């Protein structure tokens, strides 16, 4: 009973939220650079450099967090490319 209720609630939520993901006409492939994504990568790099300058002892963990974050951003871009091409 409880799992059926959860399934129906999830299905209703999906039906109500799905119009949010619809694209406007001409939005895909407009040829414009999304500067927010570019700026976020640079902001991560600047923040990690600032953290390294303030606390050189934590260099390993800061470097790991930076590389992990950048890898996750890159994997998201690759997954998006795969979804678009399929």
PDB file of N, CA and C in Angstrom:
ATOM      1  N   UNK A   1       0.820  -1.185   0.000  1.00  0.00           N
ATOM      2  CA  UNK A   1       0.000   0.000   0.000  1.00  0.00           C
ATOM      3  C   UNK A   1       0.872   1.260   0.000  1.00  0.00           C
ATOM      4  N   UNK A   2       1.886   1.270   0.851  1.00  0.00           N
ATOM      5  CA  UNK A   2       2.728   2.442   0.976  1.00  0.00           C
ATOM      6  C   UNK A   2       3.575   2.650  -0.279  1.00  0.00           C
ATOM      7  N   UNK A   3       4.076   1.566  -0.869  1.00  0.00           N
ATOM      8  CA  UNK A   3       4.890   1.699  -2.080  1.00  0.00           C
ATOM      9  C   UNK A   3       4.034   2.134  -3.273  1.00  0.00           C
ATOM     10  N   UNK A   4       2.782   1.687  -3.322  1.00  0.00           N
ATOM     11  CA  UNK A   4       1.880   2.110  -4.394  1.00  0.00           C
ATOM     12  C   UNK A   4       1.580   3.609  -4.263  1.00  0.00           C
ATOM     13  N   UNK A   5       1.391   4.031  -3.055  1.00  0.00           N
ATOM     14  CA  UNK A   5       1.115   5.448  -2.816  1.00  0.00           C
ATOM     15  C   UNK A   5       2.318   6.308  -3.217  1.00  0.00           C
ATOM     16  N   UNK A   6       3.514   5.857  -2.870  1.00  0.00           N
ATOM     17  CA  UNK A   6       4.722   6.578  -3.229  1.00  0.00           C
ATOM     18  C   UNK A   6       4.907   6.607  -4.742  1.00  0.00           C
ATOM     19  N   UNK A   7       4.615   5.502  -5.408  1.00  0.00           N
ATOM     20  CA  UNK A   7       4.722   5.451  -6.862  1.00  0.00           C
ATOM     21  C   UNK A   7       3.745   6.426  -7.523  1.00  0.00           C
ATOM     22  N   UNK A   8       2.518   6.453  -7.062  1.00  0.00           N
ATOM     23  CA  UNK A   8       1.530   7.364  -7.640  1.00  0.00           C
ATOM     24  C   UNK A   8       1.882   8.821  -7.377  1.00  0.00           C
ATOM     25  N   UNK A   9       2.415   9.102  -6.209  1.00  0.00           N
ATOM     26  CA  UNK A   9       2.851  10.459  -5.903  1.00  0.00           C
ATOM     27  C   UNK A   9       4.015  10.870  -6.802  1.00  0.00           C
ATOM     28  N   UNK A  10       4.946   9.957  -7.021  1.00  0.00           N
ATOM     29  CA  UNK A  10       6.075  10.246  -7.917  1.00  0.00           C
ATOM     30  C   UNK A  10       5.612  10.463  -9.344  1.00  0.00           C
ATOM     31  N   UNK A  11       4.675   9.671  -9.788  1.00  0.00           N
ATOM     32  CA  UNK A  11       4.146   9.809 -11.138  1.00  0.00           C
ATOM     33  C   UNK A  11       3.413  11.135 -11.314  1.00  0.00           C
ATOM     34  N   UNK A  12       2.632  11.531 -10.319  1.00  0.00           N
ATOM     35  CA  UNK A  12       1.922  12.813 -10.386  1.00  0.00           C
ATOM     36  C   UNK A  12       2.908  13.978 -10.363  1.00  0.00           C
ATOM     37  N   UNK A  13       3.940  13.872  -9.548  1.00  0.00           N
ATOM     38  CA  UNK A  13       4.949  14.920  -9.490  1.00  0.00           C
ATOM     39  C   UNK A  13       5.690  15.042 -10.811  1.00  0.00           C
ATOM     40  N   UNK A  14       6.018  13.924 -11.416  1.00  0.00           N
ATOM     41  CA  UNK A  14       6.689  13.933 -12.712  1.00  0.00           C
ATOM     42  C   UNK A  14       5.806  14.572 -13.787  1.00  0.00           C
ATOM     43  N   UNK A  15       4.522  14.288 -13.745  1.00  0.00           N
ATOM     44  CA  UNK A  15       3.613  14.859 -14.737  1.00  0.00           C
ATOM     45  C   UNK A  15       3.460  16.369 -14.553  1.00  0.00           C
ATOM     46  N   UNK A  16       3.529  16.835 -13.322  1.00  0.00           N
ATOM     47  CA  UNK A  16       3.374  18.262 -13.077  1.00  0.00           C
ATOM     48  C   UNK A  16       4.651  19.056 -13.328  1.00  0.00           C
ATOM     49  N   UNK A  17       5.797  18.417 -13.153  1.00  0.00           N
ATOM     50  CA  UNK A  17       7.065  19.124 -13.271  1.00  0.00           C
ATOM     51  C   UNK A  17       7.631  19.063 -14.682  1.00  0.00           C
ATOM     52  N   UNK A  18       7.231  18.126 -15.481  1.00  0.00           N
ATOM     53  CA  UNK A  18       7.826  17.933 -16.809  1.00  0.00           C
ATOM     54  C   UNK A  18       7.737  19.150 -17.732  1.00  0.00           C
ATOM     55  N   UNK A  19       6.723  20.014 -17.671  1.00  0.00           N
ATOM     56  CA  UNK A  19       6.746  21.195 -18.540  1.00  0.00           C
ATOM     57  C   UNK A  19       7.892  22.155 -18.248  1.00  0.00           C
ATOM     58  N   UNK A  20       8.488  22.069 -17.071  1.00  0.00           N
ATOM     59  CA  UNK A  20       9.623  22.938 -16.764  1.00  0.00           C
ATOM     60  C   UNK A  20      10.825  22.625 -17.641  1.00  0.00           C
ATOM     61  N   UNK A  21      10.913  21.388 -18.112  1.00  0.00           N
ATOM     62  CA  UNK A  21      12.067  20.986 -18.895  1.00  0.00           C
ATOM     63  C   UNK A  21      11.879  21.201 -20.395  1.00  0.00           C
ATOM     64  N   UNK A  22      10.772  21.743 -20.801  1.00  0.00           N
ATOM     65  CA  UNK A  22      10.527  22.001 -22.219  1.00  0.00           C
ATOM     66  C   UNK A  22      11.386  23.170 -22.681  1.00  0.00           C
ATOM     67  N   UNK A  23      11.867  23.089 -23.902  1.00  0.00           N
ATOM     68  CA  UNK A  23      12.704  24.155 -24.435  1.00  0.00           C
ATOM     69  C   UNK A  23      11.867  25.120 -25.248  1.00  0.00           C
ATOM     70  N   UNK A  24      12.338  26.349 -25.276  1.00  0.00           N
ATOM     71  CA  UNK A  24      11.705  27.336 -26.136  1.00  0.00           C
ATOM     72  C   UNK A  24      12.194  27.136 -27.560  1.00  0.00           C
ATOM     73  N   UNK A  25      11.455  27.646 -28.510  1.00  0.00           N
ATOM     74  CA  UNK A  25      11.850  27.517 -29.908  1.00  0.00           C
ATOM     75  C   UNK A  25      13.132  28.308 -30.144  1.00  0.00           C
ATOM     76  N   UNK A  26      14.110  27.656 -30.738  1.00  0.00           N
ATOM     77  CA  UNK A  26      15.362  28.311 -31.073  1.00  0.00           C
ATOM     78  C   UNK A  26      16.343  28.392 -29.923  1.00  0.00           C
ATOM     79  N   UNK A  27      16.036  27.829 -28.781  1.00  0.00           N
ATOM     80  CA  UNK A  27      16.942  27.912 -27.641  1.00  0.00           C
ATOM     81  C   UNK A  27      18.104  26.940 -27.781  1.00  0.00           C
ATOM     82  N   UNK A  28      17.865  25.795 -28.388  1.00  0.00           N
ATOM     83  CA  UNK A  28      18.925  24.803 -28.520  1.00  0.00           C
ATOM     84  C   UNK A  28      19.823  25.144 -29.695  1.00  0.00           C
ATOM     85  N   UNK A  29      21.104  25.150 -29.460  1.00  0.00           N
ATOM     86  CA  UNK A  29      22.065  25.401 -30.528  1.00  0.00           C
ATOM     87  C   UNK A  29      22.052  26.824 -31.028  1.00  0.00           C
ATOM     88  N   UNK A  30      21.846  27.767 -30.166  1.00  0.00           N
ATOM     89  CA  UNK A  30      21.776  29.157 -30.593  1.00  0.00           C
ATOM     90  C   UNK A  30      23.159  29.712 -30.921  1.00  0.00           C
ATOM     91  N   UNK A  31      24.210  28.976 -30.555  1.00  0.00           N
ATOM     92  CA  UNK A  31      25.561  29.409 -30.868  1.00  0.00           C
ATOM     93  C   UNK A  31      26.122  30.412 -29.883  1.00  0.00           C
ATOM     94  N   UNK A  32      25.484  30.571 -28.747  1.00  0.00           N
ATOM     95  CA  UNK A  32      25.970  31.504 -27.742  1.00  0.00           C
ATOM     96  C   UNK A  32      26.724  30.730 -26.664  1.00  0.00           C
ATOM     97  N   UNK A  33      27.744  31.363 -26.131  1.00  0.00           N
ATOM     98  CA  UNK A  33      28.521  30.746 -25.065  1.00  0.00           C
ATOM     99  C   UNK A  33      27.825  31.004 -23.744  1.00  0.00           C
ATOM    100  N   UNK A  34      27.695  29.975 -22.945  1.00  0.00           N
ATOM    101  CA  UNK A  34      27.098  30.128 -21.627  1.00  0.00           C
ATOM    102  C   UNK A  34      28.206  30.546 -20.664  1.00  0.00           C
ATOM    103  N   UNK A  35      28.293  31.825 -20.392  1.00  0.00           N
ATOM    104  CA  UNK A  35      29.384  32.373 -19.601  1.00  0.00           C
ATOM    105  C   UNK A  35      29.289  31.997 -18.142  1.00  0.00           C
ATOM    106  N   UNK A  36      28.122  31.575 -17.681  1.00  0.00           N
ATOM    107  CA  UNK A  36      27.984  31.178 -16.281  1.00  0.00           C
ATOM    108  C   UNK A  36      28.822  29.931 -16.019  1.00  0.00           C
ATOM    109  N   UNK A  37      28.792  28.989 -16.945  1.00  0.00           N
ATOM    110  CA  UNK A  37      29.572  27.759 -16.770  1.00  0.00           C
ATOM    111  C   UNK A  37      31.062  28.043 -16.823  1.00  0.00           C
ATOM    112  N   UNK A  38      31.469  28.900 -17.740  1.00  0.00           N
ATOM    113  CA  UNK A  38      32.882  29.250 -17.856  1.00  0.00           C
ATOM    114  C   UNK A  38      33.346  29.968 -16.596  1.00  0.00           C
ATOM    115  N   UNK A  39      32.545  30.884 -16.114  1.00  0.00           N
ATOM    116  CA  UNK A  39      32.912  31.643 -14.918  1.00  0.00           C
ATOM    117  C   UNK A  39      32.955  30.751 -13.682  1.00  0.00           C
ATOM    118  N   UNK A  40      32.084  29.739 -13.623  1.00  0.00           N
ATOM    119  CA  UNK A  40      32.084  28.857 -12.454  1.00  0.00           C
ATOM    120  C   UNK A  40      33.365  28.033 -12.377  1.00  0.00           C
ATOM    121  N   UNK A  41      33.882  27.617 -13.522  1.00  0.00           N
ATOM    122  CA  UNK A  41      35.143  26.868 -13.524  1.00  0.00           C
ATOM    123  C   UNK A  41      36.282  27.752 -13.045  1.00  0.00           C
ATOM    124  N   UNK A  42      36.333  28.979 -13.540  1.00  0.00           N
ATOM    125  CA  UNK A  42      37.379  29.893 -13.093  1.00  0.00           C
ATOM    126  C   UNK A  42      37.221  30.248 -11.617  1.00  0.00           C
ATOM    127  N   UNK A  43      35.990  30.370 -11.150  1.00  0.00           N
ATOM    128  CA  UNK A  43      35.760  30.673  -9.736  1.00  0.00           C
ATOM    129  C   UNK A  43      36.248  29.539  -8.850  1.00  0.00           C
ATOM    130  N   UNK A  44      36.028  28.293  -9.289  1.00  0.00           N
ATOM    131  CA  UNK A  44      36.546  27.157  -8.524  1.00  0.00           C
ATOM    132  C   UNK A  44      38.063  27.173  -8.469  1.00  0.00           C
ATOM    133  N   UNK A  45      38.700  27.476  -9.589  1.00  0.00           N
ATOM    134  CA  UNK A  45      40.159  27.506  -9.631  1.00  0.00           C
ATOM    135  C   UNK A  45      40.707  28.628  -8.754  1.00  0.00           C
ATOM    136  N   UNK A  46      40.069  29.786  -8.790  1.00  0.00           N
ATOM    137  CA  UNK A  46      40.524  30.909  -7.971  1.00  0.00           C
ATOM    138  C   UNK A  46      40.331  30.609  -6.491  1.00  0.00           C
ATOM    139  N   UNK A  47      39.202  30.002  -6.142  1.00  0.00           N
ATOM    140  CA  UNK A  47      38.949  29.671  -4.747  1.00  0.00           C
ATOM    141  C   UNK A  47      39.947  28.643  -4.235  1.00  0.00           C
ATOM    142  N   UNK A  48      40.296  27.675  -5.065  1.00  0.00           N
ATOM    143  CA  UNK A  48      41.272  26.677  -4.618  1.00  0.00           C
ATOM    144  C   UNK A  48      42.657  27.287  -4.487  1.00  0.00           C
ATOM    145  N   UNK A  49      43.021  28.204  -5.386  1.00  0.00           N
ATOM    146  CA  UNK A  49      44.318  28.868  -5.271  1.00  0.00           C
ATOM    147  C   UNK A  49      44.373  29.726  -4.006  1.00  0.00           C
ATOM    148  N   UNK A  50      43.258  30.369  -3.677  1.00  0.00           N
ATOM    149  CA  UNK A  50      43.207  31.170  -2.459  1.00  0.00           C
ATOM    150  C   UNK A  50      43.309  30.280  -1.223  1.00  0.00           C
ATOM    151  N   UNK A  51      42.645  29.132  -1.279  1.00  0.00           N
ATOM    152  CA  UNK A  51      42.729  28.197  -0.157  1.00  0.00           C
ATOM    153  C   UNK A  51      44.132  27.641   0.016  1.00  0.00           C
ATOM    154  N   UNK A  52      44.815  27.378  -1.089  1.00  0.00           N
ATOM    155  CA  UNK A  52      46.199  26.907  -1.005  1.00  0.00           C
ATOM    156  C   UNK A  52      47.110  27.983  -0.441  1.00  0.00           C
ATOM    157  N   UNK A  53      46.865  29.234  -0.793  1.00  0.00           N
ATOM    158  CA  UNK A  53      47.701  30.313  -0.290  1.00  0.00           C
ATOM    159  C   UNK A  53      47.485  30.536   1.204  1.00  0.00           C
ATOM    160  N   UNK A  54      46.261  30.348   1.670  1.00  0.00           N
ATOM    161  CA  UNK A  54      45.979  30.588   3.090  1.00  0.00           C
ATOM    162  C   UNK A  54      46.407  29.415   3.966  1.00  0.00           C
ATOM    163  N   UNK A  55      46.335  28.199   3.430  1.00  0.00           N
ATOM    164  CA  UNK A  55      46.663  27.022   4.230  1.00  0.00           C
ATOM    165  C   UNK A  55      47.415  26.009   3.368  1.00  0.00           C
ATOM    166  N   UNK A  56      48.726  26.160   3.241  1.00  0.00           N
ATOM    167  CA  UNK A  56      49.482  25.252   2.378  1.00  0.00           C
ATOM    168  C   UNK A  56      49.508  23.799   2.867  1.00  0.00           C
ATOM    169  N   UNK A  57      49.235  23.588   4.153  1.00  0.00           N
ATOM    170  CA  UNK A  57      49.238  22.229   4.695  1.00  0.00           C
ATOM    171  C   UNK A  57      48.086  21.412   4.105  1.00  0.00           C
ATOM    172  N   UNK A  58      46.977  22.061   3.789  1.00  0.00           N
ATOM    173  CA  UNK A  58      45.797  21.376   3.258  1.00  0.00           C
ATOM    174  C   UNK A  58      45.823  21.285   1.736  1.00  0.00           C
ATOM    175  N   UNK A  59      46.989  21.375   1.142  1.00  0.00           N
ATOM    176  CA  UNK A  59      47.094  21.390  -0.320  1.00  0.00           C
ATOM    177  C   UNK A  59      46.532  20.115  -0.951  1.00  0.00           C
ATOM    178  N   UNK A  60      46.794  18.987  -0.351  1.00  0.00           N
ATOM    179  CA  UNK A  60      46.316  17.723  -0.924  1.00  0.00           C
ATOM    180  C   UNK A  60      44.808  17.625  -0.977  1.00  0.00           C
ATOM    181  N   UNK A  61      44.148  17.960   0.123  1.00  0.00           N
ATOM    182  CA  UNK A  61      42.686  17.854   0.150  1.00  0.00           C
ATOM    183  C   UNK A  61      42.027  18.919  -0.721  1.00  0.00           C
ATOM    184  N   UNK A  62      42.614  20.118  -0.772  1.00  0.00           N
ATOM    185  CA  UNK A  62      42.043  21.168  -1.626  1.00  0.00           C
ATOM    186  C   UNK A  62      42.205  20.789  -3.094  1.00  0.00           C
ATOM    187  N   UNK A  63      43.362  20.270  -3.447  1.00  0.00           N
ATOM    188  CA  UNK A  63      43.600  19.864  -4.837  1.00  0.00           C
ATOM    189  C   UNK A  63      42.659  18.727  -5.232  1.00  0.00           C
ATOM    190  N   UNK A  64      42.449  17.773  -4.300  1.00  0.00           N
ATOM    191  CA  UNK A  64      41.539  16.668  -4.581  1.00  0.00           C
ATOM    192  C   UNK A  64      40.109  17.165  -4.798  1.00  0.00           C
ATOM    193  N   UNK A  65      39.652  18.091  -3.952  1.00  0.00           N
ATOM    194  CA  UNK A  65      38.298  18.627  -4.100  1.00  0.00           C
ATOM    195  C   UNK A  65      38.142  19.381  -5.409  1.00  0.00           C
ATOM    196  N   UNK A  66      39.182  20.136  -5.794  1.00  0.00           N
ATOM    197  CA  UNK A  66      39.121  20.870  -7.058  1.00  0.00           C
ATOM    198  C   UNK A  66      39.050  19.916  -8.245  1.00  0.00           C
ATOM    199  N   UNK A  67      39.909  18.917  -8.262  1.00  0.00           N
ATOM    200  CA  UNK A  67      39.924  17.978  -9.388  1.00  0.00           C
ATOM    201  C   UNK A  67      38.637  17.170  -9.436  1.00  0.00           C
ATOM    202  N   UNK A  68      38.117  16.774  -8.280  1.00  0.00           N
ATOM    203  CA  UNK A  68      36.854  16.039  -8.252  1.00  0.00           C
ATOM    204  C   UNK A  68      35.708  16.895  -8.776  1.00  0.00           C
ATOM    205  N   UNK A  69      35.644  18.147  -8.357  1.00  0.00           N
ATOM    206  CA  UNK A  69      34.586  19.043  -8.841  1.00  0.00           C
ATOM    207  C   UNK A  69      34.669  19.273 -10.333  1.00  0.00           C
ATOM    208  N   UNK A  70      35.873  19.502 -10.831  1.00  0.00           N
ATOM    209  CA  UNK A  70      36.033  19.708 -12.272  1.00  0.00           C
ATOM    210  C   UNK A  70      35.707  18.441 -13.060  1.00  0.00           C
ATOM    211  N   UNK A  71      36.054  17.268 -12.518  1.00  0.00           N
ATOM    212  CA  UNK A  71      35.723  16.010 -13.194  1.00  0.00           C
ATOM    213  C   UNK A  71      34.215  15.788 -13.241  1.00  0.00           C
ATOM    214  N   UNK A  72      33.516  16.140 -12.171  1.00  0.00           N
ATOM    215  CA  UNK A  72      32.064  15.993 -12.171  1.00  0.00           C
ATOM    216  C   UNK A  72      31.404  16.943 -13.160  1.00  0.00           C
ATOM    217  N   UNK A  73      31.925  18.165 -13.261  1.00  0.00           N
ATOM    218  CA  UNK A  73      31.385  19.110 -14.247  1.00  0.00           C
ATOM    219  C   UNK A  73      31.622  18.587 -15.661  1.00  0.00           C
ATOM    220  N   UNK A  74      32.815  18.062 -15.907  1.00  0.00           N
ATOM    221  CA  UNK A  74      33.135  17.541 -17.239  1.00  0.00           C
ATOM    222  C   UNK A  74      32.286  16.313 -17.566  1.00  0.00           C
ATOM    223  N   UNK A  75      32.071  15.433 -16.588  1.00  0.00           N
ATOM    224  CA  UNK A  75      31.243  14.255 -16.851  1.00  0.00           C
ATOM    225  C   UNK A  75      29.796  14.661 -17.140  1.00  0.00           C
ATOM    226  N   UNK A  76      29.306  15.696 -16.475  1.00  0.00           N
ATOM    227  CA  UNK A  76      27.959  16.189 -16.761  1.00  0.00           C
ATOM    228  C   UNK A  76      27.861  16.687 -18.193  1.00  0.00           C
ATOM    229  N   UNK A  77      28.894  17.383 -18.653  1.00  0.00           N
ATOM    230  CA  UNK A  77      28.905  17.860 -20.047  1.00  0.00           C
ATOM    231  C   UNK A  77      28.943  16.690 -21.018  1.00  0.00           C
ATOM    232  N   UNK A  78      29.722  15.671 -20.708  1.00  0.00           N
ATOM    233  CA  UNK A  78      29.786  14.502 -21.602  1.00  0.00           C
ATOM    234  C   UNK A  78      28.472  13.724 -21.608  1.00  0.00           C
ATOM    235  N   UNK A  79      27.842  13.563 -20.440  1.00  0.00           N
ATOM    236  CA  UNK A  79      26.551  12.888 -20.395  1.00  0.00           C
ATOM    237  C   UNK A  79      25.504  13.660 -21.192  1.00  0.00           C
ATOM    238  N   UNK A  80      25.545  14.963 -21.106  1.00  0.00           N
ATOM    239  CA  UNK A  80      24.616  15.786 -21.878  1.00  0.00           C
ATOM    240  C   UNK A  80      24.845  15.601 -23.369  1.00  0.00           C
ATOM    241  N   UNK A  81      26.099  15.554 -23.779  1.00  0.00           N
ATOM    242  CA  UNK A  81      26.423  15.330 -25.195  1.00  0.00           C
ATOM    243  C   UNK A  81      25.920  13.977 -25.667  1.00  0.00           C
ATOM    244  N   UNK A  82      26.086  12.951 -24.848  1.00  0.00           N
ATOM    245  CA  UNK A  82      25.612  11.615 -25.222  1.00  0.00           C
ATOM    246  C   UNK A  82      24.093  11.597 -25.337  1.00  0.00           C
ATOM    247  N   UNK A  83      23.399  12.264 -24.416  1.00  0.00           N
ATOM    248  CA  UNK A  83      21.939  12.295 -24.459  1.00  0.00           C
ATOM    249  C   UNK A  83      21.465  13.047 -25.693  1.00  0.00           C
ATOM    250  N   UNK A  84      22.140  14.125 -26.035  1.00  0.00           N
ATOM    251  CA  UNK A  84      21.743  14.894 -27.219  1.00  0.00           C
ATOM    252  C   UNK A  84      21.924  14.079 -28.485  1.00  0.00           C
ATOM    253  N   UNK A  85      23.007  13.325 -28.565  1.00  0.00           N
ATOM    254  CA  UNK A  85      23.294  12.572 -29.793  1.00  0.00           C
ATOM    255  C   UNK A  85      22.445  11.303 -29.910  1.00  0.00           C
ATOM    256  N   UNK A  86      21.874  10.842 -28.827  1.00  0.00           N
ATOM    257  CA  UNK A  86      21.027   9.646 -28.913  1.00  0.00           C
ATOM    258  C   UNK A  86      19.666  10.047 -29.257  1.00  0.00           C
TER     259      UNK A  86
END
